[in-house]
Every structure is written in structure tokens, then in C-alpha cells.
C-alpha atoms as a PDB file:
ATOM      1  CA  MET A   1      18.772  -8.123 -20.535  1.00  0.00           C
ATOM      2  CA  VAL A   2      18.022 -11.355 -22.475  1.00  0.00           C
ATOM      3  CA  VAL A   3      14.369 -10.518 -22.999  1.00  0.00           C
ATOM      4  CA  GLN A   4      13.555  -8.195 -25.918  1.00  0.00           C
ATOM      5  CA  TYR A   5      10.442  -6.147 -26.090  1.00  0.00           C
ATOM      6  CA  THR A   6       9.122  -3.983 -28.880  1.00  0.00           C
ATOM      7  CA  GLY A   7       6.901  -0.988 -29.279  1.00  0.00           C
ATOM      8  CA  MET A   8       3.944  -0.411 -26.948  1.00  0.00           C
ATOM      9  CA  LYS A   9       4.667  -3.667 -25.081  1.00  0.00           C
ATOM     10  CA  THR A  10       7.785  -2.059 -23.685  1.00  0.00           C
ATOM     11  CA  GLY A  11       5.962   0.951 -22.462  1.00  0.00           C
ATOM     12  CA  LEU A  12       3.291  -1.103 -20.898  1.00  0.00           C
ATOM     13  CA  ILE A  13       5.880  -3.281 -19.104  1.00  0.00           C
ATOM     14  CA  ALA A  14       7.799  -0.281 -17.882  1.00  0.00           C
ATOM     15  CA  ILE A  15       4.570   1.264 -16.458  1.00  0.00           C
ATOM     16  CA  CYS A  16       3.621  -2.133 -14.785  1.00  0.00           C
ATOM     17  CA  LEU A  17       7.021  -2.369 -13.131  1.00  0.00           C
ATOM     18  CA  MET A  18       6.812   1.169 -11.815  1.00  0.00           C
ATOM     19  CA  LEU A  19       3.288   0.634 -10.583  1.00  0.00           C
ATOM     20  CA  GLY A  20       4.148  -2.689  -9.125  1.00  0.00           C
ATOM     21  CA  THR A  21       6.989  -1.130  -7.074  1.00  0.00           C
ATOM     22  CA  VAL A  22       4.622   1.770  -6.014  1.00  0.00           C
ATOM     23  CA  VAL A  23       1.834  -0.701  -4.969  1.00  0.00           C
ATOM     24  CA  ALA A  24       4.197  -3.009  -3.070  1.00  0.00           C
ATOM     25  CA  VAL A  25       5.602   0.023  -1.026  1.00  0.00           C
ATOM     26  CA  ALA A  26       2.081   1.338  -0.508  1.00  0.00           C
ATOM     27  CA  ALA A  27       0.817  -2.022   0.567  1.00  0.00           C
ATOM     28  CA  THR A  28       3.510  -2.485   3.086  1.00  0.00           C
ATOM     29  CA  PRO A  29       2.055  -1.962   6.459  1.00  0.00           C
ATOM     30  CA  PRO A  30       3.438   0.943   8.118  1.00  0.00           C
ATOM     31  CA  SER A  31       6.050   0.399  10.902  1.00  0.00           C
ATOM     32  CA  SER A  32       4.674   0.502  14.369  1.00  0.00           C
ATOM     33  CA  GLY A  33       7.909   2.068  15.597  1.00  0.00           C
ATOM     34  CA  SER A  34       8.391  -0.982  17.881  1.00  0.00           C
ATOM     35  CA  GLU A  35      10.150  -2.918  15.114  1.00  0.00           C
ATOM     36  CA  SER A  36      13.865  -2.617  14.635  1.00  0.00           C
ATOM     37  CA  PRO A  37      16.367  -4.250  12.361  1.00  0.00           C
ATOM     38  CA  ASP A  38      16.848  -6.717  15.157  1.00  0.00           C
ATOM     39  CA  SER A  39      13.372  -8.008  14.837  1.00  0.00           C
ATOM     40  CA  ALA A  40      14.245  -8.737  11.249  1.00  0.00           C
ATOM     41  CA  ASP A  41      17.496 -10.177  12.481  1.00  0.00           C
ATOM     42  CA  LEU A  42      20.260 -10.581   9.905  1.00  0.00           C
ATOM     43  CA  SER A  43      20.361 -14.401  10.138  1.00  0.00           C
ATOM     44  CA  THR A  44      16.605 -14.614   9.386  1.00  0.00           C
ATOM     45  CA  VAL A  45      17.097 -12.486   6.312  1.00  0.00           C
ATOM     46  CA  LYS A  46      19.926 -14.518   5.023  1.00  0.00           C
ATOM     47  CA  ARG A  47      18.071 -17.807   5.716  1.00  0.00           C
ATOM     48  CA  GLU A  48      14.946 -16.552   3.899  1.00  0.00           C
ATOM     49  CA  TRP A  49      17.227 -15.634   0.940  1.00  0.00           C
ATOM     50  CA  ALA A  50      18.994 -18.975   0.842  1.00  0.00           C
ATOM     51  CA  GLU A  51      15.547 -20.801   0.899  1.00  0.00           C
ATOM     52  CA  THR A  52      14.276 -18.591  -1.851  1.00  0.00           C
ATOM     53  CA  VAL A  53      17.325 -19.116  -4.101  1.00  0.00           C
ATOM     54  CA  THR A  54      17.124 -22.743  -3.548  1.00  0.00           C
ATOM     55  CA  ALA A  55      13.487 -22.778  -4.505  1.00  0.00           C
ATOM     56  CA  LEU A  56      13.848 -20.547  -7.560  1.00  0.00           C
ATOM     57  CA  LYS A  57      16.700 -22.699  -8.908  1.00  0.00           C
ATOM     58  CA  SER A  58      14.312 -25.548  -9.021  1.00  0.00           C
ATOM     59  CA  TYR A  59      11.478 -23.875 -10.984  1.00  0.00           C
ATOM     60  CA  THR A  60      11.190 -24.548 -14.590  1.00  0.00           C
ATOM     61  CA  ALA A  61       9.642 -22.184 -17.204  1.00  0.00           C
ATOM     62  CA  ALA A  62       6.474 -24.161 -16.923  1.00  0.00           C
ATOM     63  CA  GLN A  63       6.492 -23.398 -13.193  1.00  0.00           C
ATOM     64  CA  ARG A  64       6.988 -19.612 -13.850  1.00  0.00           C
ATOM     65  CA  ASP A  65       3.872 -18.533 -11.908  1.00  0.00           C
ATOM     66  CA  MET A  66       5.016 -20.317  -8.777  1.00  0.00           C
ATOM     67  CA  ALA A  67       8.499 -18.786  -9.106  1.00  0.00           C
ATOM     68  CA  VAL A  68       6.983 -15.249  -9.654  1.00  0.00           C
ATOM     69  CA  ALA A  69       4.849 -15.691  -6.575  1.00  0.00           C
ATOM     70  CA  ARG A  70       7.865 -16.745  -4.581  1.00  0.00           C
ATOM     71  CA  ALA A  71       9.982 -13.897  -5.934  1.00  0.00           C
ATOM     72  CA  ARG A  72       7.179 -11.384  -5.033  1.00  0.00           C
ATOM     73  CA  GLN A  73       6.928 -12.768  -1.550  1.00  0.00           C
ATOM     74  CA  GLU A  74      10.667 -12.304  -1.089  1.00  0.00           C
ATOM     75  CA  LEU A  75      10.535  -8.699  -2.494  1.00  0.00           C
ATOM     76  CA  ASP A  76       7.779  -7.913  -0.102  1.00  0.00           C
ATOM     77  CA  SER A  77       9.711  -9.278   2.738  1.00  0.00           C
ATOM     78  CA  MET A  78      12.736  -7.145   1.735  1.00  0.00           C
ATOM     79  CA  ASP A  79      10.502  -4.099   1.340  1.00  0.00           C
ATOM     80  CA  ARG A  80       9.508  -4.631   4.955  1.00  0.00           C
ATOM     81  CA  HIS A  81      13.074  -4.990   6.165  1.00  0.00           C
ATOM     82  CA  ILE A  82      14.220  -1.854   4.333  1.00  0.00           C
ATOM     83  CA  GLU A  83      11.269   0.060   5.816  1.00  0.00           C
ATOM     84  CA  GLN A  84      12.374  -1.008   9.312  1.00  0.00           C
ATOM     85  CA  LEU A  85      15.956   0.460   8.580  1.00  0.00           C
ATOM     86  CA  GLU A  86      14.358   3.653   7.275  1.00  0.00           C
ATOM     87  CA  SER A  87      12.042   3.967  10.162  1.00  0.00           C
ATOM     88  CA  ARG A  88      14.914   3.490  12.597  1.00  0.00           C
ATOM     89  CA  THR A  89      16.909   6.083  10.793  1.00  0.00           C
ATOM     90  CA  ARG A  90      14.081   8.626  11.011  1.00  0.00           C
ATOM     91  CA  GLN A  91      13.644   7.924  14.722  1.00  0.00           C
ATOM     92  CA  GLU A  92      17.291   8.290  15.515  1.00  0.00           C
ATOM     93  CA  TRP A  93      18.100  11.148  13.000  1.00  0.00           C
ATOM     94  CA  ASP A  94      18.314  13.862  15.641  1.00  0.00           C
ATOM     95  CA  SER A  95      20.598  11.999  17.914  1.00  0.00           C
ATOM     96  CA  MET A  96      23.095  10.988  15.139  1.00  0.00           C
ATOM     97  CA  ASN A  97      26.212  12.952  14.234  1.00  0.00           C
ATOM     98  CA  GLN A  98      26.676  13.949  10.573  1.00  0.00           C
ATOM     99  CA  GLU A  99      29.037  11.002   9.777  1.00  0.00           C
ATOM    100  CA  ALA A 100      26.479   8.530  10.964  1.00  0.00           C
ATOM    101  CA  ARG A 101      23.707  10.338   9.049  1.00  0.00           C
ATOM    102  CA  GLU A 102      25.684  10.233   5.841  1.00  0.00           C
ATOM    103  CA  THR A 103      26.583   6.605   6.333  1.00  0.00           C
ATOM    104  CA  ARG A 104      22.939   5.536   6.914  1.00  0.00           C
ATOM    105  CA  ALA A 105      21.650   7.711   4.049  1.00  0.00           C
ATOM    106  CA  THR A 106      24.226   6.216   1.619  1.00  0.00           C
ATOM    107  CA  ALA A 107      23.300   2.598   2.699  1.00  0.00           C
ATOM    108  CA  LEU A 108      19.615   3.290   2.346  1.00  0.00           C
ATOM    109  CA  ARG A 109      20.180   4.857  -1.059  1.00  0.00           C
ATOM    110  CA  ALA A 110      22.131   1.832  -2.171  1.00  0.00           C
ATOM    111  CA  LEU A 111      19.398  -0.572  -0.907  1.00  0.00           C
ATOM    112  CA  ARG A 112      16.691   1.097  -2.727  1.00  0.00           C
ATOM    113  CA  LYS A 113      18.682   1.316  -5.885  1.00  0.00           C
ATOM    114  CA  GLN A 114      19.487  -2.344  -5.786  1.00  0.00           C
ATOM    115  CA  ARG A 115      15.857  -3.104  -4.800  1.00  0.00           C
ATOM    116  CA  ASN A 116      14.717  -1.455  -8.064  1.00  0.00           C
ATOM    117  CA  GLU A 117      17.159  -3.449 -10.115  1.00  0.00           C
ATOM    118  CA  VAL A 118      15.724  -6.600  -8.521  1.00  0.00           C
ATOM    119  CA  ALA A 119      12.248  -5.398  -9.437  1.00  0.00           C
ATOM    120  CA  GLU A 120      13.285  -5.058 -13.058  1.00  0.00           C
ATOM    121  CA  TRP A 121      14.447  -8.731 -13.021  1.00  0.00           C
ATOM    122  CA  TYR A 122      11.246  -9.619 -11.375  1.00  0.00           C
ATOM    123  CA  GLY A 123       9.356  -8.010 -14.234  1.00  0.00           C
ATOM    124  CA  SER A 124      11.427  -9.887 -16.726  1.00  0.00           C
ATOM    125  CA  MET A 125      10.525 -13.138 -14.959  1.00  0.00           C
ATOM    126  CA  LYS A 126       6.969 -12.390 -15.338  1.00  0.00           C
ATOM    127  CA  TYR A 127       7.062 -11.851 -18.985  1.00  0.00           C
ATOM    128  CA  SER A 128       9.993 -13.896 -20.220  1.00  0.00           C
ATOM    129  CA  SER A 129       9.734 -16.485 -22.867  1.00  0.00           C
ATOM    130  CA  ALA A 130      10.306 -20.139 -22.076  1.00  0.00           C
ATOM    131  CA  ASP A 131      13.457 -19.904 -24.028  1.00  0.00           C
ATOM    132  CA  ALA A 132      14.886 -17.105 -21.999  1.00  0.00           C
ATOM    133  CA  TRP A 133      13.641 -18.490 -18.581  1.00  0.00           C
ATOM    134  CA  ASP A 134      16.873 -19.932 -17.321  1.00  0.00           C
ATOM    135  CA  SER A 135      18.776 -16.637 -18.011  1.00  0.00           C
ATOM    136  CA  VAL A 136      16.147 -14.411 -16.426  1.00  0.00           C
ATOM    137  CA  ARG A 137      15.626 -16.534 -13.422  1.00  0.00           C
ATOM    138  CA  GLN A 138      19.379 -16.523 -12.876  1.00  0.00           C
ATOM    139  CA  GLY A 139      19.531 -12.772 -13.393  1.00  0.00           C
ATOM    140  CA  PHE A 140      16.870 -12.299 -10.622  1.00  0.00           C
ATOM    141  CA  ILE A 141      18.749 -14.674  -8.381  1.00  0.00           C
ATOM    142  CA  ASP A 142      22.063 -12.784  -8.883  1.00  0.00           C
ATOM    143  CA  SER A 143      20.471  -9.349  -8.508  1.00  0.00           C
ATOM    144  CA  TYR A 144      18.673 -10.481  -5.443  1.00  0.00           C
ATOM    145  CA  GLY A 145      22.092 -11.783  -3.986  1.00  0.00           C
ATOM    146  CA  VAL A 146      23.525  -8.307  -4.549  1.00  0.00           C
ATOM    147  CA  LEU A 147      20.484  -6.790  -2.815  1.00  0.00           C
ATOM    148  CA  ASN A 148      20.964  -9.289   0.112  1.00  0.00           C
ATOM    149  CA  ASP A 149      24.621  -8.232   0.363  1.00  0.00           C
ATOM    150  CA  ALA A 150      23.582  -4.528   0.427  1.00  0.00           C
ATOM    151  CA  PHE A 151      21.071  -5.207   3.213  1.00  0.00           C
ATOM    152  CA  SER A 152      23.603  -7.124   5.176  1.00  0.00           C
ATOM    153  CA  LYS A 153      26.069  -4.164   4.876  1.00  0.00           C
ATOM    154  CA  ALA A 154      23.448  -1.692   5.741  1.00  0.00           C
ATOM    155  CA  TRP A 155      22.263  -3.749   8.769  1.00  0.00           C
ATOM    156  CA  SER A 156      25.883  -3.982  10.000  1.00  0.00           C
ATOM    157  CA  GLU A 157      26.190  -0.200   9.617  1.00  0.00           C
ATOM    158  CA  PHE A 158      23.109   0.306  11.888  1.00  0.00           C
ATOM    159  CA  GLU A 159      24.531  -2.075  14.342  1.00  0.00           C
ATOM    160  CA  ASN A 160      28.048  -0.648  14.320  1.00  0.00           C
ATOM    161  CA  HIS A 161      26.857   2.942  14.705  1.00  0.00           C
ATOM    162  CA  PRO A 162      24.463   3.076  17.550  1.00  0.00           C
ATOM    163  CA  GLU A 163      22.932   6.427  18.459  1.00  0.00           C
ATOM    164  CA  GLU A 164      25.502   9.186  18.555  1.00  0.00           C
ATOM    165  CA  THR A 165      25.107  12.700  19.637  1.00  0.00           C
ATOM    166  CA  PRO A 166      26.053  15.495  17.273  1.00  0.00           C
END
């Protein structure tokens, strides 16, 4: 990463990133069970992502607070979408065959892993210097693009593998 931290500041930032992720997940309203990935339809997710990228590209270092707020909003939205996929998996688990279970579990692990990487870039955005802003902002955008692709892949896996009996 472009941003360099030293000493105690690094530890504090790491703790803040971990706590921020835990708080974001805990603050996400639980799924009512009536939601499905269809309610978060893929075209909506892609549209939201494109709008966010366009907005983030226009923010300068002086507008960091607005960019960070927009990035946080998008991360929260993606957390809700991921939770919908996880909830659907839990609901359908008993009716899926082993291959479908493994496919979904792998897709969800990849989503969570990539989501955590985006959270790291988000933290860097919050604490970056003005000199590092363009690089950190682009790192977030690129990482979020990979997350969006992983979500699209997971979403299509869910649509291509309807409930199957073991």
C-alpha cells in the first residue's frame, strides 16, 4: 500500500479496521427471510457500483470526508447483499446436493475475503495523506471492482444452481 504507518498508529488503525468491519456487520439489519438475491437484483448492484465509482473518481483529497461517506455507504450496501446470499444459502442448505453446497460456500468465502480487502482500502482512504489520496482512492475503486465481480459471480452461481435435492 502507498500509505505508510509507524508504531502505535499502525496498531490503532488495524484495530479500527477490524472493529469497523464488526460494527458494520452487527449493524446490518437481520434478513427477514423474505429477501433474496433477486430483491437485490444484479443490475441494481452493478448500477450502484458504477454510480459510486463515478462519484469517487471526482472527489479530491479536500473532499475526502464525502468520499469516505460514499464508500462506507457502498460497503454497507454490499454487506446487505452478501447477507442475503448467506441467508438464502442457510435456508436452502438441506435441499442442496454436495456440489451445490461446495460451490456456494466457495463463492461466499471469496466474497467475504474480497470484502475484507475493500475494507482495508476504505481504512486507507480515511487516513491517507493528501499526497497519497489519488493512489489510495484508485486502490479502493479497483478493489471494489473485484468485489463487485465476485458478487456477480456468486449471484450467478445462485441463479444457475436452484435448489437441488441431495
